[in-house]
């Protein structure tokens, strides 16, 4: 789990779209992370921070 106390994400669905960035980056971070794991959960509150929980199950 990752958490911060930053400005939060006002529109999580938009932030998960490829190409969306508030930092002039490629905009692949959140969406890419979601595609690479088995479980992905994000919650965010404007002016209250963001929490991201990811789980990758080990393959046998």
N, C-alpha and C. Protein backbone atom coordinates (compact mmCIF):
# COMPACT_ATOMS: atom_id res chain seq x y z
N UNK A 1 0.83 -1.17 0.00
CA UNK A 1 0.00 0.00 0.00
C UNK A 1 0.89 1.24 0.00
N UNK A 2 0.43 2.24 -0.73
CA UNK A 2 1.12 3.53 -0.79
C UNK A 2 0.12 4.59 -0.38
N UNK A 3 0.56 5.56 0.37
CA UNK A 3 -0.34 6.63 0.79
C UNK A 3 0.43 7.93 0.92
N UNK A 4 -0.27 9.03 0.66
CA UNK A 4 0.34 10.34 0.88
C UNK A 4 -0.70 11.28 1.46
N UNK A 5 -0.27 12.44 1.83
CA UNK A 5 -1.16 13.46 2.37
C UNK A 5 -1.14 14.68 1.46
N UNK A 6 -1.01 14.44 0.15
CA UNK A 6 -0.91 15.51 -0.83
C UNK A 6 -2.26 16.11 -1.19
N UNK A 7 -2.31 16.76 -2.36
CA UNK A 7 -3.52 17.47 -2.77
C UNK A 7 -4.68 16.58 -3.18
N UNK A 8 -4.44 15.29 -3.33
CA UNK A 8 -5.50 14.38 -3.74
C UNK A 8 -5.73 14.41 -5.24
N UNK A 9 -6.57 13.51 -5.72
CA UNK A 9 -6.89 13.39 -7.14
C UNK A 9 -8.38 13.66 -7.29
N UNK A 10 -8.74 14.78 -7.92
CA UNK A 10 -10.15 15.12 -8.02
C UNK A 10 -10.96 14.20 -8.94
N UNK A 11 -10.33 13.62 -9.96
CA UNK A 11 -11.03 12.75 -10.91
C UNK A 11 -10.20 11.49 -11.14
N UNK A 12 -10.41 10.47 -10.33
CA UNK A 12 -9.61 9.25 -10.39
C UNK A 12 -9.76 8.55 -11.74
N UNK A 13 -10.97 8.46 -12.27
CA UNK A 13 -11.17 7.78 -13.57
C UNK A 13 -10.35 8.45 -14.66
N UNK A 14 -10.32 9.75 -14.67
CA UNK A 14 -9.52 10.49 -15.66
C UNK A 14 -8.03 10.23 -15.42
N UNK A 15 -7.60 10.22 -14.17
CA UNK A 15 -6.19 10.01 -13.84
C UNK A 15 -5.72 8.62 -14.26
N UNK A 16 -6.63 7.65 -14.37
CA UNK A 16 -6.27 6.29 -14.77
C UNK A 16 -6.18 6.14 -16.29
N UNK A 17 -6.60 7.14 -17.05
CA UNK A 17 -6.54 7.09 -18.51
C UNK A 17 -5.10 7.27 -18.99
N UNK A 18 -4.69 6.45 -19.94
CA UNK A 18 -3.36 6.61 -20.53
C UNK A 18 -3.23 7.99 -21.16
N UNK A 19 -2.12 8.63 -20.90
CA UNK A 19 -1.85 9.94 -21.47
C UNK A 19 -2.24 11.11 -20.59
N UNK A 20 -3.00 10.85 -19.53
CA UNK A 20 -3.38 11.94 -18.63
C UNK A 20 -2.26 12.19 -17.63
N UNK A 21 -1.84 13.44 -17.52
CA UNK A 21 -0.77 13.79 -16.58
C UNK A 21 -0.94 15.21 -16.11
N UNK A 22 -0.66 15.44 -14.84
CA UNK A 22 -0.63 16.79 -14.31
C UNK A 22 0.81 17.27 -14.17
N UNK A 23 1.76 16.38 -14.50
CA UNK A 23 3.18 16.70 -14.32
C UNK A 23 3.95 16.70 -15.64
N UNK A 24 3.24 16.80 -16.77
CA UNK A 24 3.87 16.81 -18.09
C UNK A 24 4.71 15.56 -18.33
N UNK A 25 4.24 14.42 -17.82
CA UNK A 25 4.92 13.14 -18.05
C UNK A 25 4.14 12.38 -19.12
N UNK A 26 4.50 11.14 -19.36
CA UNK A 26 3.81 10.33 -20.36
C UNK A 26 2.40 9.95 -19.92
N UNK A 27 2.12 10.02 -18.65
CA UNK A 27 0.78 9.72 -18.16
C UNK A 27 0.43 8.25 -18.20
N UNK A 28 1.39 7.40 -17.86
CA UNK A 28 1.16 5.95 -17.89
C UNK A 28 1.26 5.30 -16.52
N UNK A 29 1.54 6.07 -15.50
CA UNK A 29 1.80 5.52 -14.16
C UNK A 29 0.66 4.76 -13.52
N UNK A 30 -0.43 5.41 -13.22
CA UNK A 30 -1.53 4.74 -12.52
C UNK A 30 -2.19 3.68 -13.38
N UNK A 31 -2.48 4.01 -14.62
CA UNK A 31 -3.10 3.03 -15.52
C UNK A 31 -2.20 1.83 -15.77
N UNK A 32 -0.91 2.09 -15.93
CA UNK A 32 0.04 1.00 -16.13
C UNK A 32 0.15 0.11 -14.92
N UNK A 33 0.18 0.71 -13.74
CA UNK A 33 0.24 -0.07 -12.51
C UNK A 33 -1.00 -0.95 -12.39
N UNK A 34 -2.16 -0.41 -12.73
CA UNK A 34 -3.41 -1.18 -12.64
C UNK A 34 -3.38 -2.38 -13.58
N UNK A 35 -2.81 -2.20 -14.77
CA UNK A 35 -2.74 -3.31 -15.74
C UNK A 35 -1.76 -4.41 -15.33
N UNK A 36 -0.78 -4.08 -14.53
CA UNK A 36 0.28 -5.04 -14.20
C UNK A 36 0.01 -5.90 -12.97
N UNK A 37 -1.05 -5.60 -12.25
CA UNK A 37 -1.32 -6.32 -11.00
C UNK A 37 -2.66 -7.02 -11.04
N UNK A 38 -2.85 -7.94 -10.10
CA UNK A 38 -4.12 -8.66 -10.01
C UNK A 38 -5.21 -7.86 -9.31
N UNK A 39 -4.83 -7.09 -8.31
CA UNK A 39 -5.80 -6.28 -7.58
C UNK A 39 -5.27 -4.86 -7.45
N UNK A 40 -6.13 -3.90 -7.70
CA UNK A 40 -5.74 -2.49 -7.67
C UNK A 40 -6.89 -1.69 -7.07
N UNK A 41 -6.61 -0.94 -6.04
CA UNK A 41 -7.63 -0.10 -5.42
C UNK A 41 -7.04 1.27 -5.13
N UNK A 42 -7.76 2.31 -5.49
CA UNK A 42 -7.30 3.67 -5.23
C UNK A 42 -8.44 4.49 -4.64
N UNK A 43 -8.11 5.25 -3.61
CA UNK A 43 -9.06 6.19 -3.03
C UNK A 43 -8.32 7.51 -2.86
N UNK A 44 -9.04 8.59 -3.02
CA UNK A 44 -8.41 9.89 -2.91
C UNK A 44 -9.42 10.93 -2.45
N UNK A 45 -8.96 11.86 -1.66
CA UNK A 45 -9.78 12.96 -1.19
C UNK A 45 -9.05 14.26 -1.51
N UNK A 46 -9.72 15.16 -2.19
CA UNK A 46 -9.10 16.45 -2.51
C UNK A 46 -8.67 17.12 -1.21
N UNK A 47 -7.43 17.55 -1.18
CA UNK A 47 -6.79 18.16 -0.01
C UNK A 47 -6.62 17.20 1.16
N UNK A 48 -6.80 15.90 0.90
CA UNK A 48 -6.67 14.92 1.97
C UNK A 48 -5.74 13.77 1.67
N UNK A 49 -5.23 13.69 0.45
CA UNK A 49 -4.28 12.64 0.12
C UNK A 49 -4.88 11.50 -0.69
N UNK A 50 -4.00 10.58 -1.05
CA UNK A 50 -4.34 9.44 -1.91
C UNK A 50 -3.79 8.17 -1.31
N UNK A 51 -4.54 7.09 -1.47
CA UNK A 51 -4.11 5.77 -1.01
C UNK A 51 -4.27 4.79 -2.17
N UNK A 52 -3.20 4.06 -2.48
CA UNK A 52 -3.22 3.06 -3.54
C UNK A 52 -2.79 1.72 -2.94
N UNK A 53 -3.60 0.71 -3.17
CA UNK A 53 -3.30 -0.64 -2.70
C UNK A 53 -3.22 -1.56 -3.91
N UNK A 54 -2.11 -2.29 -4.04
CA UNK A 54 -1.93 -3.20 -5.16
C UNK A 54 -1.52 -4.58 -4.65
N UNK A 55 -1.95 -5.62 -5.37
CA UNK A 55 -1.56 -6.98 -5.04
C UNK A 55 -1.21 -7.72 -6.33
N UNK A 56 -0.08 -8.34 -6.35
CA UNK A 56 0.33 -9.19 -7.47
C UNK A 56 0.50 -10.59 -6.93
N UNK A 57 -0.34 -11.50 -7.38
CA UNK A 57 -0.25 -12.89 -6.94
C UNK A 57 0.89 -13.58 -7.64
N UNK A 58 1.63 -14.35 -6.91
CA UNK A 58 2.76 -15.10 -7.44
C UNK A 58 2.25 -16.21 -8.36
N UNK A 59 2.85 -16.32 -9.53
CA UNK A 59 2.50 -17.40 -10.45
C UNK A 59 3.36 -18.60 -10.17
N UNK A 60 2.79 -19.79 -10.35
CA UNK A 60 3.57 -21.01 -10.14
C UNK A 60 3.76 -21.73 -11.42
